[in-house]
Amino acid sequence: MRTAEKSDASSIAAISIEVWIGTYLKHGVSGIFADFALSEFTTSKVLEQFQNPDEFILVSDNNQGIDGFIRVSPARIAPVSGWWGMEISTFYVQPRHHGKGIGRRLLAAALEHCRDQGADVVWLMTNAENTSAIKFYLAKGFEFIGETHFQIDDQKYLNNVYALHFS
């Protein structure tokens, strides 16, 4: 694992497309979703994230390339009333690398970063149908704090919101 570099931007964008499509598009790819993924997960948008010094991006880099990453954003208001804190805004590991401890190590390092920044709470959202991610977060001490929706065009998708308190 290492801190992401600008030269990682295209790899981060590619992993984002792969994982996002695998999570949200279970029955085929429509034009609306393809257009969203191809416009949202770009090298230039990842490079924009590097412009904000408060964004923390960590990658897992094996001998062939990046197989996962996590991005922590500075304190934000969660989409659940009364909650705010640092946000794990993106956390993707290529599915073929699940079960190898990559996600566990990325999350541990991200949480350490949050503690080092003085955070009391870290929160995140995940697709409500992503049972493996939900099980992972609950096992790591996150608690369910509410629901929100991810919207593309006129389609809404239920997302769960989880938080972890540092004590």
Protein backbone atom coordinates (compact mmCIF):
# COMPACT_ATOMS: atom_id res chain seq x y z
CA MET A 1 0.00 0.00 0.00
CA ARG A 2 1.07 3.52 -0.67
CA THR A 3 -0.25 7.03 -1.04
CA ALA A 4 -1.69 7.56 -4.50
CA GLU A 5 0.26 9.57 -7.04
CA LYS A 6 -0.99 11.56 -10.01
CA SER A 7 0.39 8.85 -12.31
CA ASP A 8 -2.18 6.47 -10.73
CA ALA A 9 -5.15 8.51 -11.96
CA SER A 10 -5.97 6.38 -15.01
CA SER A 11 -5.71 3.14 -13.00
CA ILE A 12 -7.98 4.57 -10.30
CA ALA A 13 -10.50 5.63 -12.97
CA ALA A 14 -10.44 2.16 -14.58
CA ILE A 15 -10.96 0.36 -11.24
CA SER A 16 -13.80 2.77 -10.45
CA ILE A 17 -15.58 1.88 -13.69
CA GLU A 18 -15.05 -1.85 -13.15
CA VAL A 19 -16.29 -1.94 -9.56
CA TRP A 20 -19.12 0.56 -10.02
CA ILE A 21 -20.55 -1.27 -13.03
CA GLY A 22 -20.25 -4.60 -11.22
CA THR A 23 -22.06 -3.20 -8.18
CA TYR A 24 -24.90 -1.30 -9.84
CA LEU A 25 -25.47 -3.00 -13.18
CA LYS A 26 -26.55 -6.55 -12.52
CA HIS A 27 -28.72 -7.12 -15.61
CA GLY A 28 -27.05 -5.22 -18.44
CA VAL A 29 -25.67 -1.80 -19.30
CA SER A 30 -28.05 0.90 -20.50
CA GLY A 31 -26.91 4.05 -22.24
CA ILE A 32 -27.79 6.18 -19.22
CA PHE A 33 -25.49 4.17 -16.96
CA ALA A 34 -22.75 3.84 -19.54
CA ASP A 35 -22.78 7.60 -20.12
CA PHE A 36 -22.67 8.22 -16.36
CA ALA A 37 -19.77 5.84 -15.73
CA LEU A 38 -17.74 7.06 -18.69
CA SER A 39 -18.23 10.72 -17.77
CA GLU A 40 -17.84 10.36 -13.99
CA PHE A 41 -14.88 7.98 -13.72
CA THR A 42 -12.23 9.71 -15.80
CA THR A 43 -8.55 10.37 -15.38
CA SER A 44 -9.19 14.11 -15.37
CA LYS A 45 -11.77 13.85 -12.55
CA VAL A 46 -9.37 11.75 -10.48
CA LEU A 47 -6.65 14.32 -11.09
CA GLU A 48 -9.04 17.00 -9.80
CA GLN A 49 -9.24 15.09 -6.51
CA PHE A 50 -5.46 15.39 -6.19
CA GLN A 51 -5.84 19.18 -6.30
CA ASN A 52 -7.50 19.15 -2.88
CA PRO A 53 -4.78 18.60 -0.26
CA ASP A 54 -7.44 17.46 2.24
CA GLU A 55 -8.33 14.41 0.12
CA PHE A 56 -6.45 11.28 1.18
CA ILE A 57 -6.09 8.56 -1.45
CA LEU A 58 -4.34 5.30 -0.73
CA VAL A 59 -3.78 2.52 -3.27
CA SER A 60 -3.02 -1.16 -3.02
CA ASP A 61 -0.33 -1.87 -5.58
CA ASN A 62 0.65 -5.45 -6.38
CA ASN A 63 3.49 -6.35 -8.75
CA GLN A 64 1.17 -5.93 -11.76
CA GLY A 65 -0.57 -2.68 -10.83
CA ILE A 66 -3.26 -1.21 -8.62
CA ASP A 67 -5.92 -3.63 -7.39
CA GLY A 68 -7.81 -1.33 -5.02
CA PHE A 69 -7.97 2.11 -3.47
CA ILE A 70 -9.67 4.13 -0.80
CA ARG A 71 -10.38 7.86 -0.74
CA VAL A 72 -11.12 9.78 2.45
CA SER A 73 -12.61 13.25 2.20
CA PRO A 74 -12.49 15.97 4.84
CA ALA A 75 -15.39 16.38 7.28
CA ARG A 76 -18.71 16.53 5.49
CA ILE A 77 -22.35 16.44 6.45
CA ALA A 78 -23.73 12.94 5.96
CA PRO A 79 -27.04 12.48 4.13
CA VAL A 80 -28.57 11.39 7.46
CA SER A 81 -29.82 14.09 9.81
CA GLY A 82 -27.46 14.90 12.66
CA TRP A 83 -24.39 13.11 11.29
CA TRP A 84 -21.15 14.54 10.00
CA GLY A 85 -17.49 13.60 9.95
CA MET A 86 -14.77 12.50 7.62
CA GLU A 87 -16.18 10.52 4.71
CA ILE A 88 -14.87 7.39 3.09
CA SER A 89 -16.04 8.69 -0.25
CA THR A 90 -14.69 5.89 -2.44
CA PHE A 91 -13.52 2.40 -1.52
CA TYR A 92 -13.05 -0.05 -4.37
CA VAL A 93 -11.18 -3.34 -4.60
CA GLN A 94 -11.29 -5.33 -7.82
CA PRO A 95 -13.68 -8.26 -7.24
CA ARG A 96 -11.09 -10.86 -8.29
CA HIS A 97 -8.93 -9.62 -5.39
CA HIS A 98 -11.62 -9.87 -2.70
CA GLY A 99 -10.74 -12.08 0.23
CA LYS A 100 -7.01 -11.33 0.09
CA GLY A 101 -6.98 -8.76 2.91
CA ILE A 102 -6.60 -5.78 0.57
CA GLY A 103 -9.80 -4.10 1.72
CA ARG A 104 -8.99 -4.76 5.38
CA ARG A 105 -5.54 -3.15 5.02
CA LEU A 106 -6.84 -0.18 3.02
CA LEU A 107 -9.60 0.47 5.55
CA ALA A 108 -7.23 0.17 8.52
CA ALA A 109 -4.86 2.70 6.98
CA ALA A 110 -7.73 5.07 6.12
CA LEU A 111 -9.09 4.87 9.66
CA GLU A 112 -5.63 5.56 11.04
CA HIS A 113 -5.48 8.65 8.80
CA CYS A 114 -8.87 9.79 10.15
CA ARG A 115 -7.70 9.36 13.75
CA ASP A 116 -4.49 11.25 12.95
CA GLN A 117 -6.63 14.10 11.60
CA GLY A 118 -8.56 14.22 14.88
CA ALA A 119 -11.80 12.79 13.51
CA ASP A 120 -14.44 11.63 15.97
CA VAL A 121 -16.58 9.94 13.32
CA VAL A 122 -16.06 8.54 9.85
CA TRP A 123 -19.02 7.68 7.64
CA LEU A 124 -19.70 6.09 4.26
CA MET A 125 -22.48 5.04 1.91
CA THR A 126 -22.88 1.75 0.10
CA ASN A 127 -25.45 0.25 -2.21
CA ALA A 128 -28.11 -1.40 -0.04
CA GLU A 129 -27.85 -4.58 -2.14
CA ASN A 130 -24.07 -4.86 -1.70
CA THR A 131 -24.34 -7.47 1.04
CA SER A 132 -20.65 -8.39 1.05
CA ALA A 133 -19.62 -4.75 1.62
CA ILE A 134 -22.27 -4.33 4.32
CA LYS A 135 -21.09 -7.46 6.12
CA PHE A 136 -17.50 -6.18 5.89
CA TYR A 137 -18.35 -2.75 7.34
CA LEU A 138 -20.42 -4.18 10.19
CA ALA A 139 -17.59 -6.59 11.06
CA LYS A 140 -15.22 -3.60 11.22
CA GLY A 141 -17.40 -1.81 13.79
CA PHE A 142 -19.47 0.47 11.57
CA GLU A 143 -23.11 0.94 12.54
CA PHE A 144 -26.08 1.51 10.26
CA ILE A 145 -27.28 5.11 10.71
CA GLY A 146 -29.79 5.52 7.90
CA GLU A 147 -30.62 5.46 4.24
CA THR A 148 -30.29 7.72 1.24
CA HIS A 149 -30.67 7.32 -2.50
CA PHE A 150 -28.17 7.47 -5.31
CA GLN A 151 -29.87 8.94 -8.35
CA ILE A 152 -29.08 8.81 -12.04
CA ASP A 153 -31.57 10.48 -14.33
CA ASP A 154 -34.97 9.41 -12.95
CA GLN A 155 -33.69 6.19 -11.37
CA LYS A 156 -33.09 5.99 -7.60
CA TYR A 157 -31.05 3.32 -5.86
CA LEU A 158 -31.21 2.73 -2.13
CA ASN A 159 -27.91 3.27 -0.32
CA ASN A 160 -27.22 2.55 3.33
CA VAL A 161 -25.20 4.97 5.42
CA TYR A 162 -22.80 3.66 8.06
CA ALA A 163 -20.67 5.41 10.67
CA LEU A 164 -17.81 4.49 12.94
CA HIS A 165 -17.11 6.39 16.16
CA PHE A 166 -13.56 6.65 17.42
CA SER A 167 -13.30 6.32 21.17
